[in-house]
Amino acid sequence: MDYKKHYERWNQKQEIDASIATELKAMSDDEKLLEDSFYKNLEFGTGGMRGEIGPGTNRMNVYTIRKAAQGLAEFIKEAGEDAVKRGAVIAYDNRRMSKEFAIEAAATLGQNGIKTYVFKELRPTPELSFAVRELQTFTGAMITASHNPPEYNGFKVYGEDGAQMIPEDADRLIAHVNAVADELDVHTGDPKDLEASGLLEWVLEDIDRAYFDKLQTVTIDHDLIKKHGDDLSIVFTPLHGTALKPMTEGLSQAGFTNVYVVEEQAQPDTEFSTVASPNPEEPKAFEYAIKLGKQKDADLLIATDPDADRVGLAVKNLSGDYQVLTGNQTGALLLDYLLMKKKELGTLPNNGVMIKTIVTSELGRTIADHYDVATLDVLTGFKFIGEKIREFESTSEYSFLYGYEESFGYLIEAFARDKDAIQPGILAAELAAYYKSQGLTMYEGLQALYKKYGYYFEDLASFTFKGKEGAEKIQRIMNVFRDDVVQGTLPGGVEFVEDYQRSTRTFINKDQEEVITLPKSNVLKLFLSDGSWYCLRPSGTEPKIKCYFGVQAESEALALEKLGEIKQSVLKKLEAI
C-alpha cells in the first residue's frame, strides 16, 4: 500500500472533517508518522478493530468507523429483511471520541435502513452483550479499546447471541468491511432525521433495570450474605471507566453495605489521569484502592478496566499488606467456591462444564476434576467461550457453569456472553464473606487451595513492537520458534508441541502427530515432561507478542524455581531474535 498516495488522497479531499484536515497538514513533514498512519488499512479482525486515534487508514477516526459500520450494514442486509428490522445496538465507554464514533456508526447503519439502538450514556461491555439478547437485535457493537492507553479506541462487534462473532460469521463481516473501496466516500444519515423516522432509538433505563435484575442470580448462598455481608468491608475503583453504577448497584442489592468507592477514580476520564495504565492486571493500578483500603481496613479491593469486562482483586496477605491476585488465582478461587457451594446446595448438574482458554492455568482443570465437572479448552478470546455456551444450549451435551481466562476475564451466569467484571466482583464479595465467616482471609483461602490441589504458578511476559517493523519482528519471532520444531532443535525436556496455526500436536520423541480441532490461530504452545508449559501468542488487538508460562509442583519453593528457569530460558532466546 503506497502510504504517500493515500495520504494525498485524504489531504486533497474537499469535504474532509476540519479537525482531521488540520492534523493532516501538521503531520506532512513527519515521514515515519505518515507511513505508520497510511501504510495499511486498520485491520478489522475477528473481534473488530482497535487502534490509535488520528487521521489515516491505519487509525481510528470517523472515516474508518464509517467503513467498519458500512461493512456491518452489508453483513446485516445479506442476512435478510428480518435482520435489518432487528438491527443493532451500540454502546460506548469513556474513551476519546467514543460517543462520536457510536453516533457515526449508527448514522451509517441508519443510512442503510437498519434499525439501531444507541445507549444514551456510557455503559460497560457486558451490558452491551446483555442488551443484544434483551432487545433481540441481530448484532451489536461496542466502542471501546478495553484497557489500552488513552490514545486508543476500537469497534467490537457481537452476534445475535450477545457473544463476539464466531470465526465463520466474522470472516464474512471482514470481507464486507474490506470490500468498502473508499472510507472517505461512505454516506451517513442525519441522526435527528434517523431518530424521527424510528431508525435510531436511544436506550438506557430499561436495559439497566433488566441487567441489574439478572445480577441478582450471581450470588449463591443468600443466607451466608445475610449473616456476614454487613461484616465485610469492600473498596471499589472503576479506574475512571464505566463500572461505577453497575458494580455499586450490584453489590448493594446483593447485600453488601460497606462499599467504599475510590473518589479520585470514580468519574469517567478519557485520560485516566491517576493511573499509568487503566488495567487491573497491573498492580500499580491498585495504588489508590490500596490507600483507601488501609484507611477502611478493607477485606477486599476490586478494580475494573474502562469497559468493565475485566476485574482484578487485591486481598491482605499474611503480613497484612494488600496483594493483587493474578487472573489465574482469582479464577481458581471463584471456581472452587462456586462448585463447592453448588454441590453443597444440591444444584451441581451431572453434566456441568467449566470452559477455559489454552493459556489459562491447569489448576482450574484440577479443581473441576475434583467435583466431577468437565473442563473444555478453547482458544484465547472470550468469543470462543460464548460459542460453546451457545452450542451446549442447542445440544444439551453440557450445562455451562463457569468460563474464564487468565487475563482477568470471567463469566458466571450466561445472561451476558462476554466476560463480565460485575458478575465476578459480586461473587468475589460473597467468597470473601465466606472466608471471613471461617476466620480466614481470601489469601489464606488461596494457600489452602494450593495445599489441596498442588502449587500451580504462572507468569506472563509481554513485548510491544509498534508499527510495520514491529509487526515484522513479531512474525519473525514466531517463525524462529516454529523452525525449532521442524529442524529438531528444541531444548531438552519438551514432550510435545501444539501449533494452532498448523492445527497439529507433535510428539517429539514418538514421531507422532495429532490433529487439533480448534480454529486456526497464530499460537505455539510447548509442553515439558514435568507438566510445565510455555506459549507464544501475538495479540490480536495490540502490537504485542505475549509469552505465557505455567508450572506445577508439590511445594511453593519448587514451583517458583521451575517458573524462574523456564522463563529465563525462553526470554533469553526471544530477546536474541
Protein backbone atom coordinates (compact mmCIF):
# COMPACT_ATOMS: atom_id res chain seq x y z
CA MET A 1 0.00 0.00 0.00
CA ASP A 2 1.54 3.34 -1.11
CA TYR A 3 1.22 5.42 2.04
CA LYS A 4 2.09 8.70 0.29
CA LYS A 5 -0.61 8.13 -2.29
CA HIS A 6 -3.23 7.52 0.37
CA TYR A 7 -2.06 10.49 2.42
CA GLU A 8 -2.56 12.72 -0.60
CA ARG A 9 -5.98 11.18 -1.22
CA TRP A 10 -7.01 12.21 2.28
CA ASN A 11 -5.24 15.56 2.21
CA GLN A 12 -6.92 16.59 -1.04
CA LYS A 13 -10.44 15.54 -0.04
CA GLN A 14 -12.54 18.71 -0.09
CA GLU A 15 -15.24 17.69 2.39
CA ILE A 16 -12.97 16.13 4.99
CA ASP A 17 -13.56 16.78 8.69
CA ALA A 18 -11.96 20.10 9.68
CA SER A 19 -10.03 18.75 12.67
CA ILE A 20 -8.65 15.87 10.62
CA ALA A 21 -7.65 18.30 7.87
CA THR A 22 -5.66 20.29 10.42
CA GLU A 23 -3.94 17.14 11.72
CA LEU A 24 -3.11 16.02 8.19
CA LYS A 25 -1.29 19.26 7.46
CA ALA A 26 0.56 19.12 10.78
CA MET A 27 1.91 15.62 10.06
CA SER A 28 3.06 16.35 6.50
CA ASP A 29 6.75 16.60 7.44
CA ASP A 30 6.83 13.57 9.72
CA GLU A 31 7.69 10.76 7.33
CA LYS A 32 7.58 7.97 9.92
CA LEU A 33 4.19 9.09 11.27
CA LEU A 34 2.82 9.36 7.73
CA GLU A 35 3.95 5.84 6.90
CA ASP A 36 2.53 4.31 10.07
CA SER A 37 -0.77 6.17 9.61
CA PHE A 38 -1.27 5.18 5.97
CA TYR A 39 0.87 2.12 5.14
CA LYS A 40 -2.11 -0.22 5.58
CA ASN A 41 -5.80 -0.26 6.42
CA LEU A 42 -6.53 -0.62 10.12
CA GLU A 43 -7.04 -4.35 10.44
CA PHE A 44 -10.60 -5.48 11.05
CA GLY A 45 -10.19 -8.87 12.71
CA THR A 46 -12.47 -11.48 14.21
CA GLY A 47 -13.18 -9.23 17.21
CA GLY A 48 -13.46 -5.96 15.29
CA MET A 49 -10.76 -3.31 15.14
CA ARG A 50 -8.66 -1.33 17.58
CA GLY A 51 -6.01 1.32 17.05
CA GLU A 52 -4.67 4.74 17.88
CA ILE A 53 -6.97 7.70 17.26
CA GLY A 54 -5.88 10.02 14.47
CA PRO A 55 -6.07 10.64 10.72
CA GLY A 56 -5.17 7.84 8.36
CA THR A 57 -6.26 4.47 7.04
CA ASN A 58 -4.40 2.77 9.90
CA ARG A 59 -6.02 4.86 12.63
CA MET A 60 -9.33 5.11 14.46
CA ASN A 61 -11.31 8.07 13.13
CA VAL A 62 -14.79 8.87 11.82
CA TYR A 63 -13.90 7.53 8.37
CA THR A 64 -12.52 4.16 9.45
CA ILE A 65 -15.54 3.84 11.78
CA ARG A 66 -17.87 4.55 8.85
CA LYS A 67 -16.06 1.93 6.77
CA ALA A 68 -16.47 -0.66 9.53
CA ALA A 69 -20.13 0.27 10.01
CA GLN A 70 -20.81 0.10 6.27
CA GLY A 71 -19.30 -3.38 6.19
CA LEU A 72 -21.51 -4.31 9.14
CA ALA A 73 -24.53 -2.89 7.29
CA GLU A 74 -23.80 -5.08 4.25
CA PHE A 75 -23.40 -8.08 6.56
CA ILE A 76 -26.80 -7.39 8.13
CA LYS A 77 -28.52 -6.81 4.79
CA GLU A 78 -27.06 -10.05 3.45
CA ALA A 79 -28.81 -11.89 6.30
CA GLY A 80 -32.23 -10.70 5.12
CA GLU A 81 -35.12 -8.40 5.97
CA ASP A 82 -35.64 -9.78 9.46
CA ALA A 83 -32.02 -8.99 10.37
CA VAL A 84 -32.46 -5.44 9.03
CA LYS A 85 -35.58 -4.92 11.14
CA ARG A 86 -34.00 -6.35 14.28
CA GLY A 87 -30.97 -4.18 13.63
CA ALA A 88 -28.13 -3.40 16.01
CA VAL A 89 -27.47 -1.94 19.45
CA ILE A 90 -24.40 0.21 20.11
CA ALA A 91 -22.78 1.10 23.43
CA TYR A 92 -19.62 3.02 24.22
CA ASP A 93 -17.21 3.65 27.07
CA ASN A 94 -15.44 6.77 28.34
CA ARG A 95 -12.62 6.97 25.80
CA ARG A 96 -11.80 9.83 23.49
CA MET A 97 -14.37 10.08 20.69
CA SER A 98 -16.35 7.07 21.95
CA LYS A 99 -19.80 8.67 21.80
CA GLU A 100 -18.96 10.40 18.50
CA PHE A 101 -17.88 7.07 16.99
CA ALA A 102 -21.07 5.41 18.28
CA ILE A 103 -23.23 8.06 16.59
CA GLU A 104 -21.22 7.82 13.35
CA ALA A 105 -21.76 4.06 13.29
CA ALA A 106 -25.47 4.46 13.97
CA ALA A 107 -25.74 7.13 11.26
CA THR A 108 -24.08 4.79 8.79
CA LEU A 109 -26.35 1.87 9.66
CA GLY A 110 -29.39 4.16 9.57
CA GLN A 111 -28.44 5.39 6.10
CA ASN A 112 -28.71 1.74 5.06
CA GLY A 113 -32.20 1.46 6.52
CA ILE A 114 -31.08 -0.55 9.55
CA LYS A 115 -32.74 -0.01 12.93
CA THR A 116 -30.13 0.97 15.54
CA TYR A 117 -30.39 1.38 19.31
CA VAL A 118 -27.77 3.58 20.97
CA PHE A 119 -27.16 3.92 24.71
CA LYS A 120 -27.84 7.45 25.96
CA GLU A 121 -24.89 7.21 28.35
CA LEU A 122 -21.70 5.20 28.54
CA ARG A 123 -22.12 1.64 29.73
CA PRO A 124 -19.90 -1.47 30.15
CA THR A 125 -19.20 -4.07 27.50
CA PRO A 126 -21.11 -6.85 29.36
CA GLU A 127 -24.23 -4.67 29.42
CA LEU A 128 -23.93 -4.27 25.65
CA SER A 129 -23.69 -8.05 25.35
CA PHE A 130 -26.78 -8.35 27.53
CA ALA A 131 -28.62 -5.67 25.52
CA VAL A 132 -28.21 -7.63 22.28
CA ARG A 133 -30.05 -10.51 23.92
CA GLU A 134 -32.60 -8.34 25.73
CA LEU A 135 -33.53 -6.32 22.63
CA GLN A 136 -33.18 -9.37 20.36
CA THR A 137 -31.13 -7.39 17.85
CA PHE A 138 -29.27 -9.13 15.06
CA THR A 139 -25.94 -7.70 16.13
CA GLY A 140 -24.29 -5.27 18.50
CA ALA A 141 -21.21 -3.06 18.62
CA MET A 142 -19.13 -1.69 21.48
CA ILE A 143 -16.93 1.37 21.07
CA THR A 144 -14.00 0.61 23.35
CA ALA A 145 -10.31 -0.16 23.49
CA SER A 146 -10.69 -2.03 26.76
CA HIS A 147 -7.61 -1.37 28.91
CA ASN A 148 -5.38 0.14 26.20
CA PRO A 149 -3.66 3.53 26.69
CA PRO A 150 -5.74 6.74 26.26
CA GLU A 151 -4.76 7.27 22.63
CA TYR A 152 -6.56 4.08 21.56
CA ASN A 153 -10.17 3.28 20.72
CA GLY A 154 -11.91 0.41 18.99
CA PHE A 155 -15.03 -1.11 17.41
CA LYS A 156 -16.00 -4.55 18.74
CA VAL A 157 -18.83 -6.50 17.07
CA TYR A 158 -21.26 -9.01 18.56
CA GLY A 159 -23.51 -11.71 17.16
CA GLU A 160 -27.20 -12.19 17.88
CA ASP A 161 -26.47 -14.37 20.94
CA GLY A 162 -24.58 -11.50 22.59
CA ALA A 163 -21.16 -13.10 22.14
CA GLN A 164 -18.41 -11.78 19.95
CA MET A 165 -18.81 -13.23 16.48
CA ILE A 166 -17.62 -16.75 15.79
CA PRO A 167 -14.90 -17.05 13.11
CA GLU A 168 -17.25 -18.07 10.30
CA ASP A 169 -19.50 -15.03 10.78
CA ALA A 170 -16.55 -12.77 11.48
CA ASP A 171 -14.88 -13.82 8.22
CA ARG A 172 -17.97 -12.81 6.25
CA LEU A 173 -18.14 -9.50 8.08
CA ILE A 174 -14.43 -8.85 7.49
CA ALA A 175 -14.93 -9.49 3.77
CA HIS A 176 -17.72 -6.89 3.68
CA VAL A 177 -15.59 -4.35 5.55
CA ASN A 178 -12.64 -4.93 3.24
CA ALA A 179 -14.91 -4.55 0.22
CA VAL A 180 -15.65 -0.91 1.10
CA ALA A 181 -13.46 0.73 -1.51
CA ASP A 182 -13.13 4.26 -0.11
CA GLU A 183 -13.63 5.04 3.56
CA LEU A 184 -13.90 8.74 2.68
CA ASP A 185 -16.95 8.11 0.49
CA VAL A 186 -19.25 6.25 2.93
CA HIS A 187 -22.60 8.04 3.26
CA THR A 188 -24.26 8.65 6.61
CA GLY A 189 -27.74 9.76 7.63
CA ASP A 190 -28.54 12.75 9.80
CA PRO A 191 -29.00 11.47 13.39
CA LYS A 192 -32.00 13.75 14.03
CA ASP A 193 -33.73 12.59 10.86
CA LEU A 194 -32.99 8.95 11.70
CA GLU A 195 -34.39 9.44 15.19
CA ALA A 196 -37.55 11.00 13.80
CA SER A 197 -38.01 8.09 11.40
CA GLY A 198 -37.50 5.48 14.13
CA LEU A 199 -34.26 4.14 12.67
CA LEU A 200 -32.30 5.50 15.64
CA GLU A 201 -33.58 4.86 19.15
CA TRP A 202 -31.90 5.84 22.41
CA VAL A 203 -31.92 3.27 25.25
CA LEU A 204 -30.73 3.16 28.85
CA GLU A 205 -33.05 2.77 31.85
CA ASP A 206 -34.94 -0.35 30.76
CA ILE A 207 -31.71 -2.15 29.89
CA ASP A 208 -30.13 -1.09 33.19
CA ARG A 209 -33.09 -2.40 35.14
CA ALA A 210 -33.16 -5.75 33.36
CA TYR A 211 -29.38 -6.20 33.67
CA PHE A 212 -29.41 -5.37 37.40
CA ASP A 213 -32.23 -7.87 37.91
CA LYS A 214 -30.11 -10.59 36.32
CA LEU A 215 -27.14 -9.69 38.52
CA GLN A 216 -29.17 -10.97 41.47
CA THR A 217 -28.77 -14.51 40.11
CA VAL A 218 -24.96 -14.42 40.54
CA THR A 219 -24.86 -14.90 44.32
CA ILE A 220 -25.26 -18.47 45.60
CA ASP A 221 -25.56 -18.62 49.39
CA HIS A 222 -28.01 -15.88 50.33
CA ASP A 223 -28.15 -16.94 53.97
CA LEU A 224 -24.39 -16.52 54.24
CA ILE A 225 -24.61 -12.98 52.87
CA LYS A 226 -27.47 -12.10 55.22
CA LYS A 227 -25.40 -13.25 58.19
CA HIS A 228 -21.99 -11.91 57.19
CA GLY A 229 -22.43 -9.40 54.35
CA ASP A 230 -22.54 -6.44 56.72
CA ASP A 231 -19.25 -7.55 58.30
CA LEU A 232 -17.35 -7.29 55.04
CA SER A 233 -15.55 -4.08 54.03
CA ILE A 234 -15.02 -3.56 50.28
CA VAL A 235 -13.13 -0.88 48.34
CA PHE A 236 -14.00 -0.46 44.68
CA THR A 237 -12.43 1.56 41.88
CA PRO A 238 -13.75 1.72 38.30
CA LEU A 239 -10.39 3.24 37.21
CA HIS A 240 -12.22 6.17 35.55
CA GLY A 241 -14.35 3.80 33.47
CA THR A 242 -17.93 2.58 33.14
CA ALA A 243 -18.43 0.27 36.12
CA LEU A 244 -19.34 2.70 38.90
CA LYS A 245 -23.12 2.34 38.72
CA PRO A 246 -23.44 -1.38 37.87
CA MET A 247 -20.85 -2.54 40.41
CA THR A 248 -22.10 -0.45 43.31
CA GLU A 249 -25.72 -1.27 42.47
CA GLY A 250 -24.91 -4.96 42.10
CA LEU A 251 -23.06 -5.17 45.42
CA SER A 252 -25.79 -3.22 47.21
CA GLN A 253 -28.69 -5.34 46.00
CA ALA A 254 -26.69 -8.50 46.83
CA GLY A 255 -26.49 -7.34 50.44
CA PHE A 256 -23.04 -5.79 50.79
CA THR A 257 -23.43 -2.43 52.51
CA ASN A 258 -19.86 -1.44 53.43
CA VAL A 259 -18.64 -0.49 49.96
CA TYR A 260 -16.23 2.43 49.63
CA VAL A 261 -15.53 3.94 46.20
CA VAL A 262 -12.17 5.49 45.32
CA GLU A 263 -13.45 9.01 44.66
CA GLU A 264 -10.38 10.12 42.68
CA GLN A 265 -11.13 7.39 40.13
CA ALA A 266 -14.91 7.26 40.32
CA GLN A 267 -15.81 9.52 37.40
CA PRO A 268 -15.13 8.81 33.72
CA ASP A 269 -11.90 10.34 32.45
CA THR A 270 -10.66 9.99 28.88
CA GLU A 271 -7.05 10.44 30.02
CA PHE A 272 -7.12 8.03 33.01
CA SER A 273 -5.24 10.74 34.85
CA THR A 274 -4.46 8.88 38.09
CA VAL A 275 -3.01 5.70 36.57
CA ALA A 276 -0.22 4.86 34.16
CA SER A 277 -2.46 2.14 32.73
CA PRO A 278 -6.20 1.61 33.44
CA ASN A 279 -5.68 -2.13 33.65
CA PRO A 280 -6.46 -4.14 36.78
CA GLU A 281 -3.89 -6.71 35.61
CA GLU A 282 -1.25 -4.13 36.61
CA PRO A 283 -0.67 -3.99 40.39
CA LYS A 284 0.12 -0.26 40.12
CA ALA A 285 -3.50 0.36 39.09
CA PHE A 286 -4.46 -0.52 42.70
CA GLU A 287 -2.41 2.31 44.25
CA TYR A 288 -5.40 4.47 45.20
CA ALA A 289 -7.53 1.48 46.17
CA ILE A 290 -4.81 0.20 48.50
CA LYS A 291 -4.51 3.62 50.13
CA LEU A 292 -8.26 3.72 50.81
CA GLY A 293 -8.25 0.04 51.77
CA LYS A 294 -5.75 0.73 54.54
CA GLN A 295 -7.87 3.62 55.82
CA LYS A 296 -11.01 1.47 55.92
CA ASP A 297 -9.29 -1.79 56.90
CA ALA A 298 -10.98 -3.33 53.86
CA ASP A 299 -11.19 -7.09 53.39
CA LEU A 300 -11.39 -6.91 49.61
CA LEU A 301 -10.30 -4.44 46.92
CA ILE A 302 -11.98 -4.59 43.49
CA ALA A 303 -10.83 -2.79 40.33
CA THR A 304 -12.34 -2.87 36.85
CA ASP A 305 -10.97 -1.77 33.50
CA PRO A 306 -12.62 1.06 31.49
CA ASP A 307 -15.27 -1.04 29.73
CA ALA A 308 -15.77 -3.30 32.77
CA ASP A 309 -15.14 -6.64 31.14
CA ARG A 310 -12.05 -7.31 33.29
CA VAL A 311 -11.86 -7.32 37.08
CA GLY A 312 -8.92 -7.53 39.47
CA LEU A 313 -8.87 -8.29 43.18
CA ALA A 314 -6.46 -7.42 45.96
CA VAL A 315 -6.54 -9.10 49.38
CA LYS A 316 -4.50 -8.97 52.57
CA ASN A 317 -1.57 -11.38 52.64
CA LEU A 318 -0.04 -12.92 55.75
CA SER A 319 1.91 -9.76 56.57
CA GLY A 320 -1.22 -7.63 56.35
CA ASP A 321 -0.26 -5.91 53.09
CA TYR A 322 -2.56 -5.95 50.09
CA GLN A 323 -1.59 -8.34 47.33
CA VAL A 324 -3.09 -8.19 43.84
CA LEU A 325 -4.19 -11.65 42.78
CA THR A 326 -3.39 -12.93 39.32
CA GLY A 327 -6.19 -13.74 36.95
CA ASN A 328 -5.47 -17.43 37.39
CA GLN A 329 -5.63 -17.15 41.19
CA THR A 330 -8.91 -15.26 41.16
CA GLY A 331 -10.31 -17.70 38.61
CA ALA A 332 -9.39 -20.71 40.73
CA LEU A 333 -10.82 -19.22 43.94
CA LEU A 334 -14.14 -18.35 42.31
CA LEU A 335 -14.38 -21.72 40.56
CA ASP A 336 -13.68 -23.75 43.70
CA TYR A 337 -16.21 -21.75 45.73
CA LEU A 338 -18.88 -21.92 43.05
CA LEU A 339 -18.60 -25.69 42.62
CA MET A 340 -18.31 -26.33 46.35
CA LYS A 341 -21.44 -24.31 47.11
CA LYS A 342 -23.46 -25.77 44.25
CA LYS A 343 -22.56 -29.27 45.39
CA GLU A 344 -23.43 -28.37 48.99
CA LEU A 345 -26.81 -26.95 47.93
CA GLY A 346 -27.54 -29.82 45.53
CA THR A 347 -27.59 -27.63 42.42
CA LEU A 348 -24.47 -29.02 40.71
CA PRO A 349 -25.63 -30.66 37.45
CA ASN A 350 -24.37 -34.09 36.38
CA ASN A 351 -23.19 -32.70 33.04
CA GLY A 352 -21.58 -29.49 34.25
CA VAL A 353 -18.72 -27.95 32.29
CA MET A 354 -16.10 -25.34 33.00
CA ILE A 355 -14.55 -23.60 29.99
CA LYS A 356 -11.10 -22.00 29.99
CA THR A 357 -8.61 -20.81 27.41
CA ILE A 358 -5.46 -22.69 26.38
CA VAL A 359 -3.21 -20.17 28.19
CA THR A 360 -5.15 -20.36 31.47
CA SER A 361 -3.79 -22.28 34.48
CA GLU A 362 -4.29 -26.02 34.73
CA LEU A 363 -5.32 -25.52 38.36
CA GLY A 364 -8.85 -24.90 37.11
CA ARG A 365 -8.95 -28.33 35.45
CA THR A 366 -7.74 -29.99 38.65
CA ILE A 367 -10.46 -28.25 40.69
CA ALA A 368 -13.15 -29.17 38.16
CA ASP A 369 -11.98 -32.80 38.17
CA HIS A 370 -12.36 -32.87 41.95
CA TYR A 371 -16.06 -32.01 41.59
CA ASP A 372 -16.58 -34.33 38.58
CA VAL A 373 -17.08 -31.33 36.32
CA ALA A 374 -15.76 -31.46 32.75
CA THR A 375 -13.16 -28.96 31.51
CA LEU A 376 -13.09 -27.65 27.96
CA ASP A 377 -10.16 -25.72 26.47
CA VAL A 378 -10.74 -23.07 23.82
CA LEU A 379 -8.54 -20.56 22.02
CA THR A 380 -7.75 -17.24 23.65
CA GLY A 381 -10.68 -14.88 23.24
CA PHE A 382 -13.95 -14.94 25.13
CA LYS A 383 -15.88 -15.34 21.89
CA PHE A 384 -14.87 -18.99 21.89
CA ILE A 385 -16.35 -19.44 25.37
CA GLY A 386 -19.53 -17.74 24.17
CA GLU A 387 -19.61 -20.00 21.13
CA LYS A 388 -19.51 -23.11 23.32
CA ILE A 389 -22.26 -21.83 25.60
CA ARG A 390 -24.49 -21.37 22.56
CA GLU A 391 -23.59 -24.84 21.28
CA PHE A 392 -24.43 -26.52 24.59
CA GLU A 393 -27.75 -24.68 24.81
CA SER A 394 -28.60 -26.30 21.48
CA THR A 395 -27.24 -29.82 22.12
CA SER A 396 -27.70 -30.09 25.93
CA GLU A 397 -24.41 -32.00 25.98
CA TYR A 398 -23.17 -29.88 28.88
CA SER A 399 -24.56 -27.38 31.37
CA PHE A 400 -22.38 -24.28 31.49
CA LEU A 401 -21.13 -23.46 34.97
CA TYR A 402 -18.21 -21.08 34.57
CA GLY A 403 -15.89 -19.61 31.98
CA TYR A 404 -12.65 -17.74 32.45
CA GLU A 405 -9.30 -16.69 31.05
CA GLU A 406 -6.06 -15.75 32.77
CA SER A 407 -6.32 -12.14 31.60
CA PHE A 408 -8.88 -11.25 34.32
CA GLY A 409 -11.99 -12.23 32.36
CA TYR A 410 -14.79 -14.28 33.96
CA LEU A 411 -18.40 -15.25 33.34
CA ILE A 412 -20.61 -16.95 35.93
CA GLU A 413 -24.15 -16.61 34.53
CA ALA A 414 -24.77 -16.66 30.79
CA PHE A 415 -27.21 -13.75 30.59
CA ALA A 416 -24.19 -11.90 29.16
CA ARG A 417 -21.97 -13.69 26.65
CA ASP A 418 -18.75 -11.77 27.04
CA LYS A 419 -16.51 -11.56 30.08
CA ASP A 420 -18.25 -9.53 32.75
CA ALA A 421 -16.39 -7.70 35.54
CA ILE A 422 -19.57 -7.07 37.54
CA GLN A 423 -20.54 -10.73 37.97
CA PRO A 424 -17.20 -11.93 39.42
CA GLY A 425 -16.95 -8.76 41.50
CA ILE A 426 -20.20 -9.67 43.26
CA LEU A 427 -19.27 -13.35 43.62
CA ALA A 428 -15.85 -12.35 44.99
CA ALA A 429 -17.60 -10.38 47.71
CA GLU A 430 -19.62 -13.47 48.63
CA LEU A 431 -16.42 -15.53 48.62
CA ALA A 432 -14.66 -13.02 50.89
CA ALA A 433 -17.66 -13.12 53.25
CA TYR A 434 -17.45 -16.93 53.28
CA TYR A 435 -13.78 -16.95 54.21
CA LYS A 436 -14.31 -14.24 56.83
CA SER A 437 -17.07 -16.35 58.39
CA GLN A 438 -14.44 -19.10 58.67
CA GLY A 439 -11.96 -16.74 60.30
CA LEU A 440 -9.82 -16.65 57.15
CA THR A 441 -8.77 -14.11 54.53
CA MET A 442 -9.08 -14.81 50.81
CA TYR A 443 -5.29 -15.06 50.67
CA GLU A 444 -5.37 -17.84 53.27
CA GLY A 445 -8.10 -19.46 51.20
CA LEU A 446 -5.78 -19.39 48.18
CA GLN A 447 -3.00 -21.05 50.15
CA ALA A 448 -5.47 -23.76 51.19
CA LEU A 449 -6.25 -24.38 47.50
CA TYR A 450 -2.55 -24.84 46.73
CA LYS A 451 -2.14 -27.29 49.62
CA LYS A 452 -5.18 -29.24 48.45
CA TYR A 453 -4.62 -29.30 44.69
CA GLY A 454 -0.91 -28.57 44.19
CA TYR A 455 1.14 -25.45 43.52
CA TYR A 456 0.24 -24.17 40.05
CA PHE A 457 2.16 -20.99 39.27
CA GLU A 458 2.03 -18.94 36.09
CA ASP A 459 3.65 -15.84 34.64
CA LEU A 460 3.37 -13.65 31.58
CA ALA A 461 5.91 -11.59 29.66
CA SER A 462 4.62 -9.15 27.06
CA PHE A 463 6.64 -7.29 24.43
CA THR A 464 5.35 -4.33 22.42
CA PHE A 465 6.63 -3.77 18.89
CA LYS A 466 4.78 -0.93 17.18
CA GLY A 467 4.37 -0.13 13.50
CA LYS A 468 5.32 -2.03 10.38
CA GLU A 469 8.75 -3.02 11.67
CA GLY A 470 7.21 -4.25 14.91
CA ALA A 471 4.70 -6.47 13.11
CA GLU A 472 7.52 -7.98 11.06
CA LYS A 473 9.57 -8.67 14.20
CA ILE A 474 6.67 -10.41 15.92
CA GLN A 475 6.23 -12.71 12.94
CA ARG A 476 10.00 -13.35 12.84
CA ILE A 477 9.92 -14.46 16.48
CA MET A 478 7.10 -16.91 15.78
CA ASN A 479 8.95 -18.27 12.75
CA VAL A 480 12.13 -18.90 14.75
CA PHE A 481 10.31 -20.89 17.43
CA ARG A 482 8.39 -22.85 14.80
CA ASP A 483 11.61 -23.64 12.93
CA ASP A 484 12.95 -25.31 16.08
CA VAL A 485 10.14 -27.85 15.85
CA VAL A 486 10.73 -28.54 12.15
CA GLN A 487 14.52 -28.72 12.48
CA GLY A 488 14.53 -30.76 15.68
CA THR A 489 16.44 -28.12 17.64
CA LEU A 490 14.07 -27.84 20.60
CA PRO A 491 15.54 -27.61 24.10
CA GLY A 492 15.61 -30.76 26.22
CA GLY A 493 12.52 -31.71 28.14
CA VAL A 494 9.93 -30.71 25.51
CA GLU A 495 7.49 -33.60 25.21
CA PHE A 496 5.07 -32.27 22.63
CA VAL A 497 4.22 -29.06 20.77
CA GLU A 498 0.81 -27.66 19.83
CA ASP A 499 0.85 -25.42 16.77
CA TYR A 500 -2.58 -23.89 16.41
CA GLN A 501 -1.73 -22.32 13.06
CA ARG A 502 -0.97 -25.75 11.60
CA SER A 503 -3.62 -27.47 13.78
CA THR A 504 -1.09 -30.08 14.86
CA ARG A 505 0.08 -31.65 18.11
CA THR A 506 3.59 -33.02 17.53
CA PHE A 507 5.11 -35.56 19.95
CA ILE A 508 8.85 -35.02 19.87
CA ASN A 509 10.26 -38.44 20.74
CA LYS A 510 7.48 -40.60 19.30
CA ASP A 511 7.45 -39.43 15.68
CA GLN A 512 3.70 -38.95 16.13
CA GLU A 513 1.32 -36.14 15.18
CA GLU A 514 -2.31 -35.45 16.06
CA VAL A 515 -4.87 -33.02 14.67
CA ILE A 516 -6.07 -30.13 16.87
CA THR A 517 -9.73 -29.46 16.18
CA LEU A 518 -9.79 -25.84 17.40
CA PRO A 519 -9.84 -23.00 14.84
CA LYS A 520 -6.51 -21.97 13.35
CA SER A 521 -4.63 -19.28 15.25
CA ASN A 522 -1.08 -17.99 15.30
CA VAL A 523 -0.24 -19.64 18.63
CA LEU A 524 2.53 -22.05 19.63
CA LYS A 525 2.41 -23.97 22.92
CA LEU A 526 5.19 -26.26 24.16
CA PHE A 527 4.72 -28.86 26.91
CA LEU A 528 7.53 -30.24 29.05
CA SER A 529 7.64 -33.72 30.54
CA ASP A 530 7.31 -32.40 34.13
CA GLY A 531 3.95 -30.78 33.39
CA SER A 532 5.37 -27.30 32.75
CA TRP A 533 4.47 -25.40 29.58
CA TYR A 534 5.04 -22.15 27.74
CA CYS A 535 3.13 -20.48 24.97
CA LEU A 536 3.81 -17.71 22.43
CA ARG A 537 0.89 -15.70 21.08
CA PRO A 538 0.85 -12.45 19.12
CA SER A 539 -2.00 -10.26 20.37
CA GLY A 540 -4.93 -9.88 18.01
CA THR A 541 -5.75 -6.36 19.23
CA GLU A 542 -2.42 -4.77 20.21
CA PRO A 543 1.09 -4.60 18.71
CA LYS A 544 2.35 -7.16 21.22
CA ILE A 545 3.64 -10.68 21.48
CA LYS A 546 2.78 -12.45 24.72
CA CYS A 547 4.72 -15.28 26.33
CA TYR A 548 2.85 -17.39 28.87
CA PHE A 549 4.48 -19.75 31.37
CA GLY A 550 2.95 -22.41 33.63
CA VAL A 551 4.41 -24.88 36.11
CA GLN A 552 3.14 -27.24 38.79
CA ALA A 553 4.94 -28.72 41.79
CA GLU A 554 4.38 -30.16 45.24
CA SER A 555 5.80 -27.10 47.04
CA GLU A 556 5.86 -23.37 46.57
CA ALA A 557 9.67 -23.24 46.50
CA LEU A 558 9.95 -25.87 43.79
CA ALA A 559 7.22 -24.23 41.70
CA LEU A 560 8.96 -20.85 41.89
CA GLU A 561 12.29 -22.44 40.94
CA LYS A 562 10.76 -24.15 37.91
CA LEU A 563 9.00 -20.98 36.83
CA GLY A 564 12.18 -18.92 37.02
CA GLU A 565 14.17 -21.43 34.98
CA ILE A 566 11.65 -21.84 32.18
CA LYS A 567 11.01 -18.12 31.90
CA GLN A 568 14.71 -17.25 31.79
CA SER A 569 15.38 -19.82 29.07
CA VAL A 570 12.55 -18.72 26.79
CA LEU A 571 13.09 -14.97 27.17
CA LYS A 572 16.81 -15.28 26.54
CA LYS A 573 16.05 -16.91 23.20
CA LEU A 574 13.32 -14.40 22.32
CA GLU A 575 15.45 -11.35 23.10
CA ALA A 576 18.23 -12.66 20.86
CA ILE A 577 15.98 -12.67 17.79
